[in-house]
Amino acid sequence: MKATFKLPKTKRGWISVGLIIFVISLGSWPIIHLFNKEVILFGMPLLMIWSIVIILLTTLVMIIIDKIGGRD
C-alpha cells in the first residue's frame, strides 16, 4: 500500500492545519527555553505549568477543529 500525503482542499481544512501547527510550535524548543526557569508558580515549576497549558490548548484546538470541520 502506497502512503500519500493529502493537502486540505477547503478553507476550514487549512485553518485546522494552521491551528495544529501553532500548538505544536508552542511546544518546540525556542518556546520551551523561555519557560525553563527556576520559578515556582502554584507550587509547580514554570515549565510544568507550561506543559499543562499545552495540554489544555491541544484539547481546545481539537474541540475547535471538530466544530468547524465536523458534519452535522
PDB file of N, CA and C in Angstrom:
ATOM      1  N   MET A   1       0.834  -1.164   0.000  1.00  0.00           N
ATOM      2  CA  MET A   1       0.000   0.000   0.000  1.00  0.00           C
ATOM      3  C   MET A   1       0.891   1.242   0.000  1.00  0.00           C
ATOM      4  N   LYS A   2       0.606   2.136  -0.892  1.00  0.00           N
ATOM      5  CA  LYS A   2       1.405   3.346  -1.021  1.00  0.00           C
ATOM      6  C   LYS A   2       0.853   4.434  -0.099  1.00  0.00           C
ATOM      7  N   ALA A   3       1.716   4.978   0.749  1.00  0.00           N
ATOM      8  CA  ALA A   3       1.314   6.063   1.636  1.00  0.00           C
ATOM      9  C   ALA A   3       1.471   7.393   0.912  1.00  0.00           C
ATOM     10  N   THR A   4       0.436   8.196   0.956  1.00  0.00           N
ATOM     11  CA  THR A   4       0.488   9.504   0.317  1.00  0.00           C
ATOM     12  C   THR A   4       0.089  10.575   1.324  1.00  0.00           C
ATOM     13  N   PHE A   5       0.508  11.779   1.045  1.00  0.00           N
ATOM     14  CA  PHE A   5       0.172  12.928   1.879  1.00  0.00           C
ATOM     15  C   PHE A   5      -0.856  13.758   1.133  1.00  0.00           C
ATOM     16  N   LYS A   6      -1.967  14.037   1.788  1.00  0.00           N
ATOM     17  CA  LYS A   6      -3.022  14.809   1.143  1.00  0.00           C
ATOM     18  C   LYS A   6      -3.115  16.186   1.799  1.00  0.00           C
ATOM     19  N   LEU A   7      -3.161  17.199   0.974  1.00  0.00           N
ATOM     20  CA  LEU A   7      -3.333  18.563   1.463  1.00  0.00           C
ATOM     21  C   LEU A   7      -4.819  18.876   1.607  1.00  0.00           C
ATOM     22  N   PRO A   8      -5.147  19.756   2.549  1.00  0.00           N
ATOM     23  CA  PRO A   8      -6.551  20.147   2.685  1.00  0.00           C
ATOM     24  C   PRO A   8      -7.043  20.867   1.435  1.00  0.00           C
ATOM     25  N   LYS A   9      -8.323  20.705   1.161  1.00  0.00           N
ATOM     26  CA  LYS A   9      -8.891  21.312  -0.039  1.00  0.00           C
ATOM     27  C   LYS A   9      -9.800  22.498   0.289  1.00  0.00           C
ATOM     28  N   THR A  10     -10.156  22.657   1.559  1.00  0.00           N
ATOM     29  CA  THR A  10     -11.070  23.731   1.940  1.00  0.00           C
ATOM     30  C   THR A  10     -10.378  24.724   2.868  1.00  0.00           C
ATOM     31  N   LYS A  11     -11.024  25.880   3.010  1.00  0.00           N
ATOM     32  CA  LYS A  11     -10.512  26.896   3.919  1.00  0.00           C
ATOM     33  C   LYS A  11     -10.528  26.376   5.354  1.00  0.00           C
ATOM     34  N   ARG A  12     -11.568  25.638   5.720  1.00  0.00           N
ATOM     35  CA  ARG A  12     -11.652  25.054   7.064  1.00  0.00           C
ATOM     36  C   ARG A  12     -10.512  24.078   7.317  1.00  0.00           C
ATOM     37  N   GLY A  13     -10.161  23.327   6.302  1.00  0.00           N
ATOM     38  CA  GLY A  13      -9.046  22.377   6.432  1.00  0.00           C
ATOM     39  C   GLY A  13      -7.729  23.092   6.675  1.00  0.00           C
ATOM     40  N   TRP A  14      -7.496  24.181   5.954  1.00  0.00           N
ATOM     41  CA  TRP A  14      -6.257  24.942   6.141  1.00  0.00           C
ATOM     42  C   TRP A  14      -6.219  25.615   7.512  1.00  0.00           C
ATOM     43  N   ILE A  15      -7.362  26.082   7.986  1.00  0.00           N
ATOM     44  CA  ILE A  15      -7.418  26.659   9.328  1.00  0.00           C
ATOM     45  C   ILE A  15      -7.088  25.593  10.370  1.00  0.00           C
ATOM     46  N   SER A  16      -7.603  24.396  10.169  1.00  0.00           N
ATOM     47  CA  SER A  16      -7.319  23.294  11.088  1.00  0.00           C
ATOM     48  C   SER A  16      -5.832  22.964  11.114  1.00  0.00           C
ATOM     49  N   VAL A  17      -5.224  22.891   9.943  1.00  0.00           N
ATOM     50  CA  VAL A  17      -3.783  22.616   9.874  1.00  0.00           C
ATOM     51  C   VAL A  17      -2.993  23.732  10.542  1.00  0.00           C
ATOM     52  N   GLY A  18      -3.412  24.975  10.321  1.00  0.00           N
ATOM     53  CA  GLY A  18      -2.735  26.108  10.944  1.00  0.00           C
ATOM     54  C   GLY A  18      -2.821  26.066  12.460  1.00  0.00           C
ATOM     55  N   LEU A  19      -3.982  25.706  12.991  1.00  0.00           N
ATOM     56  CA  LEU A  19      -4.135  25.597  14.444  1.00  0.00           C
ATOM     57  C   LEU A  19      -3.238  24.504  15.022  1.00  0.00           C
ATOM     58  N   ILE A  20      -3.164  23.378  14.334  1.00  0.00           N
ATOM     59  CA  ILE A  20      -2.320  22.277  14.804  1.00  0.00           C
ATOM     60  C   ILE A  20      -0.849  22.679  14.781  1.00  0.00           C
ATOM     61  N   ILE A  21      -0.417  23.316  13.710  1.00  0.00           N
ATOM     62  CA  ILE A  21       0.983  23.761  13.621  1.00  0.00           C
ATOM     63  C   ILE A  21       1.289  24.793  14.700  1.00  0.00           C
ATOM     64  N   PHE A  22       0.329  25.682  14.989  1.00  0.00           N
ATOM     65  CA  PHE A  22       0.512  26.678  16.038  1.00  0.00           C
ATOM     66  C   PHE A  22       0.735  26.025  17.397  1.00  0.00           C
ATOM     67  N   VAL A  23      -0.076  25.038  17.748  1.00  0.00           N
ATOM     68  CA  VAL A  23       0.067  24.374  19.045  1.00  0.00           C
ATOM     69  C   VAL A  23       1.368  23.582  19.101  1.00  0.00           C
ATOM     70  N   ILE A  24       1.729  22.933  18.020  1.00  0.00           N
ATOM     71  CA  ILE A  24       2.995  22.188  18.002  1.00  0.00           C
ATOM     72  C   ILE A  24       4.169  23.141  18.156  1.00  0.00           C
ATOM     73  N   SER A  25       4.089  24.311  17.528  1.00  0.00           N
ATOM     74  CA  SER A  25       5.195  25.271  17.650  1.00  0.00           C
ATOM     75  C   SER A  25       5.323  25.817  19.069  1.00  0.00           C
ATOM     76  N   LEU A  26       4.234  25.891  19.814  1.00  0.00           N
ATOM     77  CA  LEU A  26       4.304  26.337  21.196  1.00  0.00           C
ATOM     78  C   LEU A  26       5.046  25.332  22.082  1.00  0.00           C
ATOM     79  N   GLY A  27       5.115  24.098  21.656  1.00  0.00           N
ATOM     80  CA  GLY A  27       5.824  23.077  22.417  1.00  0.00           C
ATOM     81  C   GLY A  27       7.223  22.806  21.906  1.00  0.00           C
ATOM     82  N   SER A  28       7.718  23.621  20.990  1.00  0.00           N
ATOM     83  CA  SER A  28       9.052  23.396  20.434  1.00  0.00           C
ATOM     84  C   SER A  28      10.122  24.078  21.284  1.00  0.00           C
ATOM     85  N   TRP A  29      11.372  23.815  20.956  1.00  0.00           N
ATOM     86  CA  TRP A  29      12.480  24.250  21.789  1.00  0.00           C
ATOM     87  C   TRP A  29      12.573  25.757  22.021  1.00  0.00           C
ATOM     88  N   PRO A  30      12.469  26.623  21.029  1.00  0.00           N
ATOM     89  CA  PRO A  30      12.629  28.057  21.347  1.00  0.00           C
ATOM     90  C   PRO A  30      11.619  28.556  22.381  1.00  0.00           C
ATOM     91  N   ILE A  31      10.410  28.065  22.335  1.00  0.00           N
ATOM     92  CA  ILE A  31       9.398  28.497  23.293  1.00  0.00           C
ATOM     93  C   ILE A  31       9.637  27.844  24.650  1.00  0.00           C
ATOM     94  N   ILE A  32       9.980  26.573  24.657  1.00  0.00           N
ATOM     95  CA  ILE A  32      10.248  25.867  25.914  1.00  0.00           C
ATOM     96  C   ILE A  32      11.394  26.536  26.654  1.00  0.00           C
ATOM     97  N   HIS A  33      12.370  27.025  25.926  1.00  0.00           N
ATOM     98  CA  HIS A  33      13.513  27.694  26.554  1.00  0.00           C
ATOM     99  C   HIS A  33      13.073  28.913  27.371  1.00  0.00           C
ATOM    100  N   LEU A  34      12.031  29.600  26.928  1.00  0.00           N
ATOM    101  CA  LEU A  34      11.521  30.760  27.653  1.00  0.00           C
ATOM    102  C   LEU A  34      10.921  30.388  29.007  1.00  0.00           C
ATOM    103  N   PHE A  35      10.383  29.168  29.118  1.00  0.00           N
ATOM    104  CA  PHE A  35       9.709  28.736  30.337  1.00  0.00           C
ATOM    105  C   PHE A  35      10.571  27.830  31.207  1.00  0.00           C
ATOM    106  N   ASN A  36      11.774  27.527  30.788  1.00  0.00           N
ATOM    107  CA  ASN A  36      12.658  26.652  31.556  1.00  0.00           C
ATOM    108  C   ASN A  36      13.473  27.497  32.545  1.00  0.00           C
ATOM    109  N   LYS A  37      12.762  28.068  33.516  1.00  0.00           N
ATOM    110  CA  LYS A  37      13.375  28.912  34.529  1.00  0.00           C
ATOM    111  C   LYS A  37      13.145  28.302  35.902  1.00  0.00           C
ATOM    112  N   GLU A  38      13.933  28.729  36.855  1.00  0.00           N
ATOM    113  CA  GLU A  38      13.763  28.250  38.229  1.00  0.00           C
ATOM    114  C   GLU A  38      12.747  29.118  38.956  1.00  0.00           C
ATOM    115  N   VAL A  39      11.522  29.059  38.498  1.00  0.00           N
ATOM    116  CA  VAL A  39      10.426  29.826  39.077  1.00  0.00           C
ATOM    117  C   VAL A  39       9.359  28.836  39.523  1.00  0.00           C
ATOM    118  N   ILE A  40       8.869  29.029  40.741  1.00  0.00           N
ATOM    119  CA  ILE A  40       7.800  28.181  41.267  1.00  0.00           C
ATOM    120  C   ILE A  40       6.511  28.996  41.239  1.00  0.00           C
ATOM    121  N   LEU A  41       5.500  28.454  40.593  1.00  0.00           N
ATOM    122  CA  LEU A  41       4.205  29.106  40.482  1.00  0.00           C
ATOM    123  C   LEU A  41       3.144  28.071  40.836  1.00  0.00           C
ATOM    124  N   PHE A  42       2.292  28.393  41.780  1.00  0.00           N
ATOM    125  CA  PHE A  42       1.275  27.449  42.264  1.00  0.00           C
ATOM    126  C   PHE A  42       1.908  26.161  42.782  1.00  0.00           C
ATOM    127  N   GLY A  43       3.110  26.251  43.299  1.00  0.00           N
ATOM    128  CA  GLY A  43       3.798  25.086  43.851  1.00  0.00           C
ATOM    129  C   GLY A  43       4.418  24.172  42.811  1.00  0.00           C
ATOM    130  N   MET A  44       4.429  24.605  41.551  1.00  0.00           N
ATOM    131  CA  MET A  44       4.999  23.794  40.468  1.00  0.00           C
ATOM    132  C   MET A  44       6.009  24.630  39.702  1.00  0.00           C
ATOM    133  N   PRO A  45       6.996  23.976  39.101  1.00  0.00           N
ATOM    134  CA  PRO A  45       7.924  24.720  38.241  1.00  0.00           C
ATOM    135  C   PRO A  45       7.182  25.314  37.045  1.00  0.00           C
ATOM    136  N   LEU A  46       7.695  26.419  36.550  1.00  0.00           N
ATOM    137  CA  LEU A  46       7.062  27.118  35.439  1.00  0.00           C
ATOM    138  C   LEU A  46       6.929  26.229  34.200  1.00  0.00           C
ATOM    139  N   LEU A  47       7.912  25.390  33.951  1.00  0.00           N
ATOM    140  CA  LEU A  47       7.863  24.504  32.783  1.00  0.00           C
ATOM    141  C   LEU A  47       6.721  23.491  32.899  1.00  0.00           C
ATOM    142  N   MET A  48       6.442  23.030  34.114  1.00  0.00           N
ATOM    143  CA  MET A  48       5.333  22.094  34.306  1.00  0.00           C
ATOM    144  C   MET A  48       3.995  22.791  34.045  1.00  0.00           C
ATOM    145  N   ILE A  49       3.877  24.034  34.468  1.00  0.00           N
ATOM    146  CA  ILE A  49       2.650  24.784  34.199  1.00  0.00           C
ATOM    147  C   ILE A  49       2.490  25.009  32.697  1.00  0.00           C
ATOM    148  N   TRP A  50       3.586  25.304  32.008  1.00  0.00           N
ATOM    149  CA  TRP A  50       3.512  25.471  30.547  1.00  0.00           C
ATOM    150  C   TRP A  50       3.092  24.165  29.879  1.00  0.00           C
ATOM    151  N   SER A  51       3.546  23.037  30.394  1.00  0.00           N
ATOM    152  CA  SER A  51       3.136  21.743  29.840  1.00  0.00           C
ATOM    153  C   SER A  51       1.636  21.534  30.004  1.00  0.00           C
ATOM    154  N   ILE A  52       1.094  21.935  31.147  1.00  0.00           N
ATOM    155  CA  ILE A  52      -0.345  21.820  31.369  1.00  0.00           C
ATOM    156  C   ILE A  52      -1.100  22.742  30.414  1.00  0.00           C
ATOM    157  N   VAL A  53      -0.577  23.942  30.195  1.00  0.00           N
ATOM    158  CA  VAL A  53      -1.195  24.872  29.249  1.00  0.00           C
ATOM    159  C   VAL A  53      -1.205  24.272  27.840  1.00  0.00           C
ATOM    160  N   ILE A  54      -0.115  23.638  27.450  1.00  0.00           N
ATOM    161  CA  ILE A  54      -0.054  22.993  26.129  1.00  0.00           C
ATOM    162  C   ILE A  54      -1.113  21.900  26.008  1.00  0.00           C
ATOM    163  N   ILE A  55      -1.287  21.104  27.054  1.00  0.00           N
ATOM    164  CA  ILE A  55      -2.301  20.041  27.035  1.00  0.00           C
ATOM    165  C   ILE A  55      -3.698  20.639  26.891  1.00  0.00           C
ATOM    166  N   LEU A  56      -3.970  21.702  27.652  1.00  0.00           N
ATOM    167  CA  LEU A  56      -5.283  22.347  27.558  1.00  0.00           C
ATOM    168  C   LEU A  56      -5.498  22.999  26.192  1.00  0.00           C
ATOM    169  N   LEU A  57      -4.461  23.625  25.648  1.00  0.00           N
ATOM    170  CA  LEU A  57      -4.576  24.221  24.306  1.00  0.00           C
ATOM    171  C   LEU A  57      -4.815  23.161  23.234  1.00  0.00           C
ATOM    172  N   THR A  58      -4.140  22.030  23.366  1.00  0.00           N
ATOM    173  CA  THR A  58      -4.342  20.943  22.409  1.00  0.00           C
ATOM    174  C   THR A  58      -5.787  20.452  22.448  1.00  0.00           C
ATOM    175  N   THR A  59      -6.325  20.306  23.653  1.00  0.00           N
ATOM    176  CA  THR A  59      -7.714  19.882  23.793  1.00  0.00           C
ATOM    177  C   THR A  59      -8.664  20.914  23.192  1.00  0.00           C
ATOM    178  N   LEU A  60      -8.417  22.191  23.478  1.00  0.00           N
ATOM    179  CA  LEU A  60      -9.257  23.256  22.940  1.00  0.00           C
ATOM    180  C   LEU A  60      -9.197  23.301  21.410  1.00  0.00           C
ATOM    181  N   VAL A  61      -8.006  23.149  20.845  1.00  0.00           N
ATOM    182  CA  VAL A  61      -7.854  23.163  19.384  1.00  0.00           C
ATOM    183  C   VAL A  61      -8.588  21.974  18.760  1.00  0.00           C
ATOM    184  N   MET A  62      -8.540  20.815  19.388  1.00  0.00           N
ATOM    185  CA  MET A  62      -9.259  19.658  18.841  1.00  0.00           C
ATOM    186  C   MET A  62     -10.770  19.877  18.898  1.00  0.00           C
ATOM    187  N   ILE A  63     -11.250  20.546  19.941  1.00  0.00           N
ATOM    188  CA  ILE A  63     -12.681  20.867  20.012  1.00  0.00           C
ATOM    189  C   ILE A  63     -13.058  21.850  18.910  1.00  0.00           C
ATOM    190  N   ILE A  64     -12.219  22.868  18.698  1.00  0.00           N
ATOM    191  CA  ILE A  64     -12.482  23.850  17.644  1.00  0.00           C
ATOM    192  C   ILE A  64     -12.475  23.194  16.271  1.00  0.00           C
ATOM    193  N   ILE A  65     -11.501  22.325  16.038  1.00  0.00           N
ATOM    194  CA  ILE A  65     -11.430  21.628  14.738  1.00  0.00           C
ATOM    195  C   ILE A  65     -12.646  20.753  14.529  1.00  0.00           C
ATOM    196  N   ASP A  66     -13.122  20.117  15.595  1.00  0.00           N
ATOM    197  CA  ASP A  66     -14.316  19.291  15.475  1.00  0.00           C
ATOM    198  C   ASP A  66     -15.539  20.145  15.135  1.00  0.00           C
ATOM    199  N   LYS A  67     -15.607  21.339  15.714  1.00  0.00           N
ATOM    200  CA  LYS A  67     -16.751  22.224  15.446  1.00  0.00           C
ATOM    201  C   LYS A  67     -16.718  22.790  14.030  1.00  0.00           C
ATOM    202  N   ILE A  68     -15.555  23.214  13.551  1.00  0.00           N
ATOM    203  CA  ILE A  68     -15.509  23.825  12.218  1.00  0.00           C
ATOM    204  C   ILE A  68     -15.448  22.802  11.098  1.00  0.00           C
ATOM    205  N   GLY A  69     -14.991  21.607  11.384  1.00  0.00           N
ATOM    206  CA  GLY A  69     -14.846  20.628  10.323  1.00  0.00           C
ATOM    207  C   GLY A  69     -15.814  19.467  10.400  1.00  0.00           C
ATOM    208  N   GLY A  70     -16.538  19.389  11.500  1.00  0.00           N
ATOM    209  CA  GLY A  70     -17.457  18.268  11.682  1.00  0.00           C
ATOM    210  C   GLY A  70     -18.698  18.392  10.811  1.00  0.00           C
ATOM    211  N   ARG A  71     -19.268  17.283  10.504  1.00  0.00           N
ATOM    212  CA  ARG A  71     -20.513  17.252   9.717  1.00  0.00           C
ATOM    213  C   ARG A  71     -21.669  17.006  10.639  1.00  0.00           C
ATOM    214  N   ASP A  72     -22.755  17.707  10.389  1.00  0.00           N
ATOM    215  CA  ASP A  72     -23.949  17.569  11.236  1.00  0.00           C
ATOM    216  C   ASP A  72     -24.817  16.430  10.773  1.00  0.00           C
TER     217      ASP A  72
END
